[in-house]
Amino acid sequence: MNLTTKLLATTVLTVTAGAAMADDMTIVSWGGAYQGSQLKAYAEPYVANNPDVNVVWDESSNEAVAKLRAMNEAGNVTWDVVDVVAADAMRLCDEGLAIEIDPDTQLAPAPDGTSAADDFGDLLISECFIPQIVYSTTIGYRTDMVGDTPPTDVCALFDTEAYPGKRSLEKRPLNNMEWALVCDGVAADEVYDVLATDEGQDRAFAKLATIKDDVIWWSAGAETPQLLADGEVVMGSTYNGRLFSVIEEQNQPVGMLWDYQVFDLDGWIIPAGLSEERQARALDFIYFATDTQRLADQAKYISYGPARASSAPLVGQHAELGIDMAPHMPTDPANSQTAVLYNFDFWADYRDDLDAKFQAWLAQ
């Protein structure tokens, strides 16, 4: 459900100084706890002296590529700022559906004067993408449904004998195919080389087929936490921040695996085709929302690591729970020993083809 809220804008930025800015802005994100953290860390602080700015929240980020393609073809782009995963940002940029951002003139420097380009570093994987957070997709499980031996590795997903019951997995090839190959004996650093071959893809599908009848497929990140809370699945994949919420905030009998978590980036793009006024407003918001303090502030509400190097030392305690957030970050050394780094170039090249193969496999 869309959330509309009146916001005040407080920033006087060189990037948009003197430019006429639109009073309406549609921000697209993923809903749930993540969108809530953006509202608190970015949008509400953006408010200040501009009560005429009207922000509409949309929760359609999982359909961002398809919808922006359709909007562009129709010549009617209705979104102003869109939160997407890095691979989708690369596709949108390559297709001319997102504008290029110059980090050194259109993003805020770090407090010590370090340029935004140096502060974000290697996470600036596309000229159109402004990263916000490092997150992971990992596995949650019901602590009261796994017997006396809780799972310790991701391959418990495929062990229906030791852990009978339904699993929930995302209804797309990403992450599922990596885990399938890892659990079929492929070394983590060889996963994408294997997955680039027809034989490797067949191998991943064959491994997934061993649990296909036990899987509930999800499309929205909130589904697995709800299925776990309701006891409808014994384990399932979702974003680490969703699991943090269900475990620490809701006190559900849920545990989390960090084994072979898949690191990814999430951030903003600004669609191509906006009027000058709408683009100026979007750039004004982006400048503010991706500065050092704002990215650190988001970690007060959700367990995702900020994308700026200068933000990491500012991560403190949860705003409501009062617990230290560093140990709940996917990037914490204790949590990331077996992490798989999402291969942005691979998925940018293979995503459309593997999406089609995955949907065909589901229909079999």
Protein backbone atom coordinates (compact mmCIF):
# COMPACT_ATOMS: atom_id res chain seq x y z
CA MET A 1 0.00 0.00 0.00
CA ASN A 2 1.39 3.40 -0.95
CA LEU A 3 2.30 5.76 1.86
CA THR A 4 1.92 9.48 1.29
CA THR A 5 3.42 11.91 3.71
CA LYS A 6 4.03 15.64 3.80
CA LEU A 7 7.70 16.43 4.11
CA LEU A 8 9.68 19.58 4.73
CA ALA A 9 12.94 20.11 2.87
CA THR A 10 15.89 21.62 4.64
CA THR A 11 18.79 21.48 2.27
CA VAL A 12 20.44 24.34 0.44
CA LEU A 13 22.72 22.51 -1.97
CA THR A 14 25.14 23.81 -4.53
CA VAL A 15 24.02 21.07 -6.90
CA THR A 16 20.51 22.52 -7.13
CA ALA A 17 20.99 26.05 -5.87
CA GLY A 18 18.79 28.40 -7.83
CA ALA A 19 17.10 25.60 -9.76
CA ALA A 20 13.34 25.37 -9.76
CA MET A 21 12.30 22.14 -8.05
CA ALA A 22 9.07 20.19 -8.30
CA ASP A 23 6.86 20.07 -5.21
CA ASP A 24 5.84 16.43 -5.80
CA MET A 25 8.21 13.45 -5.70
CA THR A 26 7.48 9.73 -5.99
CA ILE A 27 10.05 7.52 -4.27
CA VAL A 28 10.01 3.81 -5.08
CA SER A 29 11.34 1.20 -2.67
CA TRP A 30 10.70 -2.31 -1.32
CA GLY A 31 8.21 -1.77 1.49
CA GLY A 32 8.47 -3.25 4.96
CA ALA A 33 11.23 -2.59 7.47
CA TYR A 34 13.67 -1.40 4.81
CA GLN A 35 11.37 1.29 3.44
CA GLY A 36 10.56 2.25 7.02
CA SER A 37 14.26 2.78 7.72
CA GLN A 38 14.54 5.02 4.66
CA LEU A 39 11.56 7.07 5.79
CA LYS A 40 13.13 7.64 9.21
CA ALA A 41 16.75 8.11 8.16
CA TYR A 42 16.35 9.98 4.87
CA ALA A 43 12.89 11.32 4.21
CA GLU A 44 11.87 12.68 7.60
CA PRO A 45 15.20 14.49 8.11
CA TYR A 46 14.85 15.91 4.58
CA VAL A 47 11.93 17.89 5.88
CA ALA A 48 12.51 21.27 7.27
CA ASN A 49 11.46 24.46 5.62
CA ASN A 50 9.48 23.29 2.61
CA PRO A 51 6.05 22.06 3.71
CA ASP A 52 4.77 22.12 0.12
CA VAL A 53 6.88 19.09 -0.87
CA ASN A 54 4.61 16.06 -1.23
CA VAL A 55 6.32 12.66 -1.23
CA VAL A 56 4.50 9.55 -2.40
CA TRP A 57 6.05 6.17 -1.53
CA ASP A 58 5.63 3.25 -3.92
CA GLU A 59 6.62 -0.34 -3.09
CA SER A 60 7.30 -1.64 -6.62
CA SER A 61 11.10 -1.93 -6.64
CA ASN A 62 10.92 -5.66 -7.42
CA GLU A 63 9.33 -4.68 -10.75
CA ALA A 64 11.44 -1.59 -11.38
CA VAL A 65 13.12 -2.69 -14.63
CA ALA A 66 9.92 -3.82 -16.34
CA LYS A 67 7.91 -0.82 -15.18
CA LEU A 68 10.55 1.75 -16.15
CA ARG A 69 10.85 0.14 -19.57
CA ALA A 70 7.08 0.43 -20.02
CA MET A 71 6.98 4.02 -18.73
CA ASN A 72 9.79 5.04 -21.05
CA GLU A 73 8.11 3.44 -24.05
CA ALA A 74 4.85 5.21 -23.21
CA GLY A 75 6.66 8.52 -22.69
CA ASN A 76 5.18 8.87 -19.21
CA VAL A 77 7.71 8.38 -16.40
CA THR A 78 5.86 8.80 -13.10
CA TRP A 79 8.67 7.86 -10.71
CA ASP A 80 11.33 10.32 -9.52
CA VAL A 81 13.74 8.35 -7.31
CA VAL A 82 13.93 4.56 -7.44
CA ASP A 83 15.64 2.15 -5.05
CA VAL A 84 17.09 -0.82 -6.95
CA VAL A 85 19.66 -3.56 -6.51
CA ALA A 86 22.95 -2.94 -8.26
CA ALA A 87 22.45 -5.39 -11.14
CA ASP A 88 19.12 -3.79 -12.03
CA ALA A 89 20.77 -0.36 -11.89
CA MET A 90 23.38 -1.55 -14.38
CA ARG A 91 20.69 -2.77 -16.76
CA LEU A 92 18.70 0.45 -16.48
CA CYS A 93 21.86 2.48 -17.08
CA ASP A 94 22.88 0.42 -20.11
CA GLU A 95 19.40 0.86 -21.58
CA GLY A 96 19.43 4.64 -21.08
CA LEU A 97 16.58 4.46 -18.54
CA ALA A 98 18.54 6.09 -15.70
CA ILE A 99 20.59 9.28 -15.70
CA GLU A 100 24.33 9.36 -15.02
CA ILE A 101 25.42 10.88 -11.71
CA ASP A 102 28.77 12.61 -11.20
CA PRO A 103 29.68 11.70 -7.60
CA ASP A 104 32.13 14.57 -7.18
CA THR A 105 29.67 17.30 -8.15
CA GLN A 106 26.26 15.78 -7.42
CA LEU A 107 26.91 13.85 -4.19
CA ALA A 108 28.05 15.19 -0.83
CA PRO A 109 31.72 14.84 0.18
CA ALA A 110 32.63 13.13 3.45
CA PRO A 111 32.88 15.37 6.55
CA ASP A 112 36.67 15.44 6.27
CA GLY A 113 36.49 16.58 2.65
CA THR A 114 37.07 13.18 1.05
CA SER A 115 35.29 13.11 -2.29
CA ALA A 116 32.15 11.02 -2.64
CA ALA A 117 33.89 8.98 -5.35
CA ASP A 118 36.67 7.99 -2.95
CA ASP A 119 34.27 7.52 -0.02
CA PHE A 120 32.05 5.07 -1.91
CA GLY A 121 35.07 3.56 -3.65
CA ASP A 122 34.56 0.27 -5.50
CA LEU A 123 30.85 0.23 -4.63
CA LEU A 124 30.21 2.78 -7.40
CA ILE A 125 29.69 -0.04 -9.88
CA SER A 126 27.62 1.99 -12.36
CA GLU A 127 27.62 5.62 -13.50
CA CYS A 128 23.88 5.78 -12.79
CA PHE A 129 23.85 4.10 -9.35
CA ILE A 130 24.30 5.67 -5.91
CA PRO A 131 24.74 2.86 -3.36
CA GLN A 132 23.14 3.12 0.07
CA ILE A 133 23.71 -0.16 1.83
CA VAL A 134 25.48 -3.51 1.75
CA TYR A 135 22.97 -6.22 2.57
CA SER A 136 22.79 -9.94 2.19
CA THR A 137 20.29 -12.59 1.30
CA THR A 138 20.53 -15.41 3.79
CA ILE A 139 18.52 -18.12 5.55
CA GLY A 140 16.22 -17.93 8.55
CA TYR A 141 14.79 -20.96 10.35
CA ARG A 142 12.29 -21.77 13.08
CA THR A 143 14.26 -22.63 16.20
CA ASP A 144 11.40 -24.78 17.52
CA MET A 145 11.03 -26.81 14.31
CA VAL A 146 14.60 -28.01 13.73
CA GLY A 147 14.97 -30.49 16.56
CA ASP A 148 18.00 -30.67 18.82
CA THR A 149 20.50 -29.94 16.04
CA PRO A 150 19.90 -26.49 14.54
CA PRO A 151 21.26 -25.96 11.03
CA THR A 152 24.70 -24.40 10.76
CA ASP A 153 25.14 -24.12 6.99
CA VAL A 154 23.15 -23.09 3.95
CA CYS A 155 22.98 -26.65 2.61
CA ALA A 156 20.41 -27.44 5.29
CA LEU A 157 18.02 -26.02 2.70
CA PHE A 158 18.52 -29.17 0.65
CA ASP A 159 18.48 -31.61 3.59
CA THR A 160 14.80 -32.49 3.85
CA GLU A 161 15.60 -35.64 5.83
CA ALA A 162 17.25 -33.80 8.71
CA TYR A 163 14.94 -30.79 8.41
CA PRO A 164 11.57 -31.85 7.00
CA GLY A 165 9.02 -29.21 6.13
CA LYS A 166 8.43 -26.44 3.66
CA ARG A 167 11.10 -23.96 2.61
CA SER A 168 10.57 -20.50 1.13
CA LEU A 169 12.80 -19.28 -1.69
CA GLU A 170 12.68 -16.22 -3.89
CA LYS A 171 10.92 -16.68 -7.20
CA ARG A 172 13.93 -15.80 -9.33
CA PRO A 173 17.27 -17.43 -10.12
CA LEU A 174 19.49 -15.06 -8.11
CA ASN A 175 20.97 -16.61 -4.97
CA ASN A 176 19.08 -19.86 -5.46
CA MET A 177 21.38 -20.96 -8.25
CA GLU A 178 24.53 -19.93 -6.37
CA TRP A 179 23.44 -21.90 -3.29
CA ALA A 180 22.44 -24.90 -5.41
CA LEU A 181 25.93 -25.09 -6.91
CA VAL A 182 27.70 -24.55 -3.59
CA CYS A 183 25.63 -27.35 -2.08
CA ASP A 184 26.40 -29.54 -5.09
CA GLY A 185 30.10 -29.26 -4.39
CA VAL A 186 31.20 -26.22 -6.39
CA ALA A 187 33.77 -24.02 -4.66
CA ALA A 188 32.46 -20.55 -3.87
CA ASP A 189 35.08 -18.82 -6.00
CA GLU A 190 34.12 -20.97 -8.99
CA VAL A 191 30.35 -20.58 -8.80
CA TYR A 192 29.97 -17.91 -11.48
CA ASP A 193 32.37 -19.60 -13.89
CA VAL A 194 30.28 -22.77 -13.62
CA LEU A 195 26.99 -20.89 -13.81
CA ALA A 196 28.08 -19.25 -17.06
CA THR A 197 27.89 -22.65 -18.82
CA ASP A 198 24.81 -24.57 -19.95
CA GLU A 199 26.07 -27.56 -17.98
CA GLY A 200 26.44 -25.49 -14.83
CA GLN A 201 22.95 -24.06 -15.19
CA ASP A 202 21.54 -27.57 -15.67
CA ARG A 203 23.42 -28.68 -12.57
CA ALA A 204 21.93 -25.85 -10.50
CA PHE A 205 18.40 -26.60 -11.71
CA ALA A 206 18.90 -30.30 -10.96
CA LYS A 207 19.91 -29.52 -7.38
CA LEU A 208 16.96 -27.17 -6.92
CA ALA A 209 14.67 -29.88 -8.31
CA THR A 210 15.47 -32.05 -5.28
CA ILE A 211 13.45 -29.67 -3.07
CA LYS A 212 11.10 -28.13 -5.64
CA ASP A 213 8.00 -29.83 -4.19
CA ASP A 214 8.87 -28.49 -0.72
CA VAL A 215 9.29 -24.84 -1.75
CA ILE A 216 6.93 -21.91 -1.31
CA TRP A 217 8.13 -19.26 -3.77
CA TRP A 218 8.13 -15.64 -2.66
CA SER A 219 8.28 -12.31 -4.49
CA ALA A 220 8.27 -9.78 -1.64
CA GLY A 221 10.89 -9.72 1.10
CA ALA A 222 8.23 -9.63 3.84
CA GLU A 223 6.85 -13.04 2.90
CA THR A 224 9.51 -15.32 4.42
CA PRO A 225 9.48 -13.57 7.84
CA GLN A 226 5.70 -13.92 7.91
CA LEU A 227 5.83 -17.57 6.84
CA LEU A 228 8.41 -18.22 9.56
CA ALA A 229 6.38 -16.35 12.18
CA ASP A 230 3.29 -18.38 11.23
CA GLY A 231 5.21 -21.67 11.29
CA GLU A 232 4.31 -22.42 7.69
CA VAL A 233 7.95 -23.02 6.69
CA VAL A 234 10.84 -24.52 8.62
CA MET A 235 13.36 -22.29 6.86
CA GLY A 236 13.58 -19.80 4.06
CA SER A 237 15.58 -17.09 2.37
CA THR A 238 15.16 -13.37 2.75
CA TYR A 239 17.20 -10.24 3.40
CA ASN A 240 19.22 -10.15 6.59
CA GLY A 241 17.44 -6.97 7.71
CA ARG A 242 14.08 -8.71 7.50
CA LEU A 243 15.38 -11.49 9.74
CA PHE A 244 16.83 -8.99 12.19
CA SER A 245 13.38 -7.45 12.46
CA VAL A 246 11.54 -10.72 13.08
CA ILE A 247 14.16 -11.94 15.58
CA GLU A 248 15.14 -8.82 17.53
CA GLU A 249 12.07 -6.61 17.18
CA GLN A 250 9.28 -9.18 17.08
CA ASN A 251 10.89 -11.80 19.35
CA GLN A 252 9.80 -14.68 17.13
CA PRO A 253 11.40 -18.15 17.56
CA VAL A 254 13.60 -17.64 14.53
CA GLY A 255 17.32 -18.11 14.03
CA MET A 256 19.55 -16.85 11.22
CA LEU A 257 22.34 -18.45 9.22
CA TRP A 258 25.22 -16.30 7.95
CA ASP A 259 26.77 -19.21 6.05
CA TYR A 260 27.19 -18.40 2.35
CA GLN A 261 25.16 -15.24 2.66
CA VAL A 262 25.16 -13.44 -0.68
CA PHE A 263 26.35 -9.83 -0.44
CA ASP A 264 24.61 -7.29 -2.61
CA LEU A 265 24.26 -3.53 -2.92
CA ASP A 266 21.11 -1.50 -2.91
CA GLY A 267 20.81 2.14 -3.84
CA TRP A 268 19.17 4.89 -5.85
CA ILE A 269 18.75 5.68 -9.51
CA ILE A 270 16.97 8.67 -11.04
CA PRO A 271 14.93 7.73 -14.10
CA ALA A 272 15.64 9.32 -17.44
CA GLY A 273 12.88 11.41 -18.98
CA LEU A 274 12.02 13.66 -16.04
CA SER A 275 11.32 17.36 -16.44
CA GLU A 276 14.07 19.74 -15.28
CA GLU A 277 12.08 20.59 -12.15
CA ARG A 278 11.49 16.95 -11.21
CA GLN A 279 15.12 16.01 -11.87
CA ALA A 280 16.31 18.94 -9.74
CA ARG A 281 14.12 17.77 -6.83
CA ALA A 282 15.36 14.19 -7.20
CA LEU A 283 19.00 15.31 -7.23
CA ASP A 284 18.40 17.51 -4.19
CA PHE A 285 16.97 14.57 -2.27
CA ILE A 286 19.75 12.20 -3.39
CA TYR A 287 22.49 14.64 -2.31
CA PHE A 288 21.01 14.80 1.17
CA ALA A 289 19.95 11.16 1.54
CA THR A 290 23.35 9.71 0.61
CA ASP A 291 25.60 11.85 2.77
CA THR A 292 27.75 10.31 5.51
CA GLN A 293 25.42 10.95 8.42
CA ARG A 294 22.23 9.84 6.68
CA LEU A 295 23.71 6.49 5.63
CA ALA A 296 24.97 5.89 9.17
CA ASP A 297 21.56 6.86 10.55
CA GLN A 298 19.82 4.16 8.53
CA ALA A 299 21.75 1.54 10.52
CA LYS A 300 19.84 2.70 13.61
CA TYR A 301 16.72 1.12 12.17
CA ILE A 302 17.88 -1.88 10.14
CA SER A 303 20.92 -4.14 10.05
CA TYR A 304 22.40 -3.16 6.70
CA GLY A 305 25.92 -1.82 6.38
CA PRO A 306 26.26 1.76 5.05
CA ALA A 307 27.93 2.05 1.65
CA ARG A 308 30.20 4.97 2.55
CA ALA A 309 33.50 4.26 4.32
CA SER A 310 33.04 7.43 6.39
CA SER A 311 29.66 6.20 7.68
CA ALA A 312 30.87 2.95 9.25
CA PRO A 313 32.46 4.49 12.39
CA LEU A 314 29.21 6.35 13.06
CA VAL A 315 27.10 3.17 13.29
CA GLY A 316 25.90 2.90 16.88
CA GLN A 317 22.92 1.45 18.66
CA HIS A 318 19.47 0.62 17.42
CA ALA A 319 17.21 3.65 17.84
CA GLU A 320 14.56 1.74 19.79
CA LEU A 321 16.13 -1.49 21.04
CA GLY A 322 19.33 0.07 22.36
CA ILE A 323 21.47 -2.84 21.14
CA ASP A 324 24.79 -2.44 19.35
CA MET A 325 24.19 -2.80 15.62
CA ALA A 326 27.70 -3.69 14.43
CA PRO A 327 27.39 -7.44 15.28
CA HIS A 328 24.17 -7.57 13.26
CA MET A 329 25.77 -6.23 10.11
CA PRO A 330 26.38 -8.73 7.29
CA THR A 331 29.82 -7.19 6.85
CA ASP A 332 30.90 -7.95 10.43
CA PRO A 333 33.98 -10.24 10.23
CA ALA A 334 32.33 -12.90 12.39
CA ASN A 335 29.41 -13.08 9.97
CA SER A 336 31.16 -12.87 6.62
CA GLN A 337 33.71 -15.70 6.63
CA THR A 338 31.92 -17.67 3.88
CA ALA A 339 30.09 -14.79 2.21
CA VAL A 340 29.65 -14.88 -1.57
CA LEU A 341 29.96 -11.52 -3.30
CA TYR A 342 27.17 -11.05 -5.79
CA ASN A 343 28.67 -10.89 -9.28
CA PHE A 344 27.15 -7.74 -10.77
CA ASP A 345 28.67 -8.16 -14.21
CA PHE A 346 27.52 -11.77 -14.46
CA TRP A 347 23.91 -11.02 -13.60
CA ALA A 348 23.82 -7.93 -15.81
CA ASP A 349 24.83 -10.18 -18.72
CA TYR A 350 22.84 -13.32 -17.88
CA ARG A 351 19.80 -12.09 -15.93
CA ASP A 352 17.24 -11.95 -18.74
CA ASP A 353 18.23 -15.36 -20.09
CA LEU A 354 18.28 -17.06 -16.68
CA ASP A 355 15.02 -15.39 -15.67
CA ALA A 356 13.37 -16.98 -18.70
CA LYS A 357 14.93 -20.38 -17.99
CA PHE A 358 13.96 -20.18 -14.32
CA GLN A 359 10.33 -19.37 -15.07
CA ALA A 360 10.21 -22.20 -17.62
CA TRP A 361 11.68 -24.57 -15.03
CA LEU A 362 9.08 -23.50 -12.45
CA ALA A 363 6.31 -24.24 -14.95
CA GLN A 364 7.51 -27.80 -15.62
